[in-house]
Amino acid sequence: MGDERSCQDLGLPIDEGRDLVREFQTWVESEKNSSRHGRPWFKIIQFWSGGFDCGAEKFGGFSLFYKWLDQFSEHIGRAGLFHD
């Protein structure tokens, strides 16, 4: 929300990067929400990072965010989009 608010305050136009972030947020809300109740994307990440177990790995919030960001980029057919 901070990023969105700062862009509004500064009058920055919506560009491709901000559109991708919004698409990612919607994707998390539709694909990763195990609850029947709607949750915002960041709450879903927060929930799953509290003990999300993927084999032997446990993910903190940032790790899970980036893992899902990579999954999202593959989902939209642009694997590696968020890598240098």
N, C-alpha and C. Protein backbone atom coordinates (compact mmCIF):
# COMPACT_ATOMS: atom_id res chain seq x y z
N MET A 1 0.82 -1.19 0.00
CA MET A 1 0.00 0.00 0.00
C MET A 1 0.87 1.26 0.00
N GLY A 2 2.03 1.18 0.63
CA GLY A 2 2.92 2.34 0.67
C GLY A 2 3.38 2.75 -0.71
N ASP A 3 3.72 1.77 -1.53
CA ASP A 3 4.15 2.05 -2.89
C ASP A 3 3.04 2.70 -3.68
N GLU A 4 1.84 2.15 -3.56
CA GLU A 4 0.71 2.69 -4.31
C GLU A 4 0.40 4.12 -3.86
N ARG A 5 0.42 4.34 -2.57
CA ARG A 5 0.13 5.67 -2.05
C ARG A 5 1.18 6.69 -2.47
N SER A 6 2.46 6.28 -2.42
CA SER A 6 3.51 7.22 -2.82
C SER A 6 3.41 7.56 -4.30
N CYS A 7 3.05 6.60 -5.13
CA CYS A 7 2.88 6.88 -6.56
C CYS A 7 1.73 7.84 -6.79
N GLN A 8 0.64 7.67 -6.02
CA GLN A 8 -0.48 8.60 -6.13
C GLN A 8 -0.07 10.01 -5.69
N ASP A 9 0.61 10.08 -4.56
CA ASP A 9 1.03 11.39 -4.03
C ASP A 9 1.98 12.11 -4.98
N LEU A 10 2.84 11.35 -5.65
CA LEU A 10 3.80 11.95 -6.58
C LEU A 10 3.23 12.14 -7.98
N GLY A 11 2.03 11.62 -8.21
CA GLY A 11 1.39 11.75 -9.52
C GLY A 11 2.08 10.94 -10.61
N LEU A 12 2.67 9.81 -10.24
CA LEU A 12 3.36 8.98 -11.22
C LEU A 12 2.35 8.17 -12.04
N PRO A 13 2.61 8.02 -13.32
CA PRO A 13 1.69 7.26 -14.16
C PRO A 13 1.81 5.76 -13.87
N ILE A 14 0.76 5.04 -14.18
CA ILE A 14 0.78 3.59 -14.05
C ILE A 14 1.55 3.05 -15.25
N ASP A 15 2.63 2.34 -14.97
CA ASP A 15 3.45 1.78 -16.05
C ASP A 15 3.36 0.26 -16.04
N GLU A 16 4.12 -0.39 -16.91
CA GLU A 16 4.07 -1.85 -17.03
C GLU A 16 4.46 -2.53 -15.72
N GLY A 17 5.46 -1.99 -15.03
CA GLY A 17 5.90 -2.58 -13.77
C GLY A 17 4.82 -2.57 -12.72
N ARG A 18 4.13 -1.47 -12.59
CA ARG A 18 3.05 -1.38 -11.61
C ARG A 18 1.87 -2.27 -12.01
N ASP A 19 1.62 -2.39 -13.30
CA ASP A 19 0.57 -3.30 -13.77
C ASP A 19 0.91 -4.75 -13.42
N LEU A 20 2.19 -5.12 -13.60
CA LEU A 20 2.61 -6.48 -13.26
C LEU A 20 2.46 -6.77 -11.77
N VAL A 21 2.76 -5.78 -10.95
CA VAL A 21 2.61 -5.96 -9.50
C VAL A 21 1.14 -6.19 -9.17
N ARG A 22 0.26 -5.42 -9.77
CA ARG A 22 -1.17 -5.61 -9.53
C ARG A 22 -1.65 -6.99 -10.01
N GLU A 23 -1.15 -7.43 -11.15
CA GLU A 23 -1.50 -8.76 -11.64
C GLU A 23 -1.00 -9.84 -10.69
N PHE A 24 0.21 -9.65 -10.16
CA PHE A 24 0.77 -10.60 -9.19
C PHE A 24 -0.11 -10.64 -7.94
N GLN A 25 -0.51 -9.49 -7.45
CA GLN A 25 -1.36 -9.44 -6.26
C GLN A 25 -2.67 -10.19 -6.48
N THR A 26 -3.28 -9.98 -7.64
CA THR A 26 -4.52 -10.68 -7.97
C THR A 26 -4.29 -12.17 -8.09
N TRP A 27 -3.17 -12.57 -8.68
CA TRP A 27 -2.82 -13.98 -8.83
C TRP A 27 -2.66 -14.64 -7.46
N VAL A 28 -1.96 -13.98 -6.54
CA VAL A 28 -1.80 -14.53 -5.19
C VAL A 28 -3.17 -14.71 -4.55
N GLU A 29 -4.03 -13.71 -4.67
CA GLU A 29 -5.35 -13.77 -4.04
C GLU A 29 -6.21 -14.89 -4.62
N SER A 30 -6.05 -15.19 -5.90
CA SER A 30 -6.88 -16.23 -6.51
C SER A 30 -6.25 -17.62 -6.45
N GLU A 31 -4.93 -17.72 -6.53
CA GLU A 31 -4.27 -19.02 -6.62
C GLU A 31 -3.72 -19.55 -5.30
N LYS A 32 -3.41 -18.68 -4.37
CA LYS A 32 -2.72 -19.12 -3.15
C LYS A 32 -3.57 -19.00 -1.89
N ASN A 33 -4.78 -18.53 -2.02
CA ASN A 33 -5.66 -18.36 -0.86
C ASN A 33 -6.40 -19.67 -0.60
N SER A 34 -6.11 -20.31 0.52
CA SER A 34 -6.77 -21.58 0.83
C SER A 34 -8.08 -21.38 1.58
N SER A 35 -8.38 -20.16 1.91
CA SER A 35 -9.59 -19.85 2.66
C SER A 35 -10.74 -19.53 1.71
N ARG A 36 -11.95 -19.81 2.15
CA ARG A 36 -13.12 -19.43 1.35
C ARG A 36 -13.37 -17.92 1.46
N HIS A 37 -12.73 -17.30 2.41
CA HIS A 37 -12.89 -15.87 2.63
C HIS A 37 -11.83 -15.12 1.84
N GLY A 38 -12.22 -14.01 1.26
CA GLY A 38 -11.27 -13.21 0.53
C GLY A 38 -10.25 -12.59 1.48
N ARG A 39 -9.00 -12.66 1.11
CA ARG A 39 -7.92 -12.05 1.87
C ARG A 39 -7.07 -11.24 0.92
N PRO A 40 -6.51 -10.13 1.39
CA PRO A 40 -5.58 -9.39 0.53
C PRO A 40 -4.29 -10.19 0.35
N TRP A 41 -3.62 -9.97 -0.74
CA TRP A 41 -2.43 -10.73 -1.11
C TRP A 41 -1.38 -10.77 -0.02
N PHE A 42 -1.14 -9.65 0.65
CA PHE A 42 -0.08 -9.61 1.66
C PHE A 42 -0.45 -10.43 2.90
N LYS A 43 -1.73 -10.54 3.21
CA LYS A 43 -2.17 -11.37 4.33
C LYS A 43 -2.00 -12.85 4.00
N ILE A 44 -2.18 -13.21 2.74
CA ILE A 44 -1.99 -14.60 2.31
C ILE A 44 -0.52 -14.99 2.46
N ILE A 45 0.37 -14.12 2.02
CA ILE A 45 1.81 -14.38 2.17
C ILE A 45 2.17 -14.46 3.64
N GLN A 46 1.64 -13.55 4.42
CA GLN A 46 1.90 -13.56 5.86
C GLN A 46 1.43 -14.87 6.49
N PHE A 47 0.26 -15.32 6.12
CA PHE A 47 -0.29 -16.57 6.65
C PHE A 47 0.61 -17.75 6.32
N TRP A 48 0.94 -17.90 5.02
CA TRP A 48 1.71 -19.06 4.60
C TRP A 48 3.16 -19.00 5.04
N SER A 49 3.71 -17.84 5.26
CA SER A 49 5.11 -17.77 5.66
C SER A 49 5.30 -18.08 7.14
N GLY A 50 4.22 -18.18 7.89
CA GLY A 50 4.33 -18.51 9.30
C GLY A 50 4.74 -19.94 9.56
N GLY A 51 4.79 -20.78 8.56
CA GLY A 51 5.18 -22.15 8.75
C GLY A 51 4.98 -22.96 7.49
N PHE A 52 4.98 -22.28 6.36
CA PHE A 52 4.81 -22.96 5.08
C PHE A 52 5.96 -23.92 4.89
N ASP A 53 5.65 -25.16 4.68
CA ASP A 53 6.65 -26.20 4.56
C ASP A 53 6.62 -26.75 3.14
N CYS A 54 7.70 -26.60 2.44
CA CYS A 54 7.81 -27.11 1.08
C CYS A 54 8.96 -28.11 1.07
N GLY A 55 8.64 -29.35 1.37
CA GLY A 55 9.69 -30.34 1.52
C GLY A 55 10.46 -30.03 2.79
N ALA A 56 11.76 -29.88 2.66
CA ALA A 56 12.59 -29.60 3.83
C ALA A 56 12.77 -28.10 4.05
N GLU A 57 12.24 -27.29 3.13
CA GLU A 57 12.44 -25.85 3.22
C GLU A 57 11.31 -25.15 3.96
N LYS A 58 11.65 -24.16 4.72
CA LYS A 58 10.66 -23.28 5.33
C LYS A 58 10.94 -21.88 4.76
N PHE A 59 9.88 -21.15 4.50
CA PHE A 59 10.03 -19.85 3.87
C PHE A 59 9.57 -18.75 4.79
N GLY A 60 10.38 -17.70 4.96
CA GLY A 60 9.94 -16.49 5.62
C GLY A 60 9.14 -15.68 4.62
N GLY A 61 8.59 -14.57 5.07
CA GLY A 61 7.75 -13.75 4.22
C GLY A 61 8.41 -13.30 2.92
N PHE A 62 9.64 -12.78 3.02
CA PHE A 62 10.31 -12.30 1.80
C PHE A 62 10.66 -13.45 0.88
N SER A 63 11.13 -14.55 1.44
CA SER A 63 11.48 -15.70 0.61
C SER A 63 10.26 -16.23 -0.12
N LEU A 64 9.15 -16.32 0.58
CA LEU A 64 7.93 -16.81 -0.04
C LEU A 64 7.44 -15.84 -1.11
N PHE A 65 7.51 -14.54 -0.83
CA PHE A 65 7.13 -13.53 -1.81
C PHE A 65 7.89 -13.73 -3.12
N TYR A 66 9.22 -13.87 -3.02
CA TYR A 66 10.03 -14.02 -4.22
C TYR A 66 9.82 -15.37 -4.89
N LYS A 67 9.59 -16.41 -4.12
CA LYS A 67 9.28 -17.72 -4.70
C LYS A 67 8.01 -17.64 -5.52
N TRP A 68 6.97 -17.03 -4.95
CA TRP A 68 5.71 -16.89 -5.68
C TRP A 68 5.83 -15.92 -6.84
N LEU A 69 6.66 -14.90 -6.71
CA LEU A 69 6.89 -13.97 -7.82
C LEU A 69 7.49 -14.72 -9.01
N ASP A 70 8.43 -15.63 -8.73
CA ASP A 70 9.00 -16.46 -9.80
C ASP A 70 7.93 -17.36 -10.41
N GLN A 71 7.09 -17.96 -9.57
CA GLN A 71 6.01 -18.80 -10.09
C GLN A 71 5.06 -17.99 -10.96
N PHE A 72 4.76 -16.77 -10.53
CA PHE A 72 3.87 -15.90 -11.29
C PHE A 72 4.48 -15.57 -12.65
N SER A 73 5.77 -15.26 -12.68
CA SER A 73 6.41 -14.91 -13.96
C SER A 73 6.39 -16.10 -14.91
N GLU A 74 6.55 -17.32 -14.38
CA GLU A 74 6.42 -18.51 -15.22
C GLU A 74 4.98 -18.67 -15.71
N HIS A 75 4.03 -18.41 -14.82
CA HIS A 75 2.60 -18.52 -15.15
C HIS A 75 2.21 -17.61 -16.32
N ILE A 76 2.77 -16.43 -16.36
CA ILE A 76 2.43 -15.49 -17.43
C ILE A 76 3.32 -15.67 -18.66
N GLY A 77 4.20 -16.68 -18.64
CA GLY A 77 5.05 -16.97 -19.78
C GLY A 77 6.26 -16.08 -19.90
N ARG A 78 6.71 -15.52 -18.78
CA ARG A 78 7.87 -14.63 -18.80
C ARG A 78 8.84 -15.03 -17.70
N ALA A 79 9.22 -16.30 -17.69
CA ALA A 79 10.13 -16.82 -16.66
C ALA A 79 11.38 -15.97 -16.57
N GLY A 80 11.84 -15.73 -15.36
CA GLY A 80 13.04 -14.93 -15.14
C GLY A 80 12.84 -13.44 -15.27
N LEU A 81 11.61 -13.00 -15.42
CA LEU A 81 11.31 -11.58 -15.61
C LEU A 81 11.86 -10.70 -14.51
N PHE A 82 11.86 -11.19 -13.31
CA PHE A 82 12.26 -10.37 -12.17
C PHE A 82 13.70 -10.63 -11.73
N HIS A 83 14.49 -11.25 -12.60
CA HIS A 83 15.90 -11.50 -12.31
C HIS A 83 16.76 -10.56 -13.13
N ASP A 84 17.92 -10.24 -12.60
CA ASP A 84 18.86 -9.38 -13.34
C ASP A 84 19.53 -10.15 -14.45
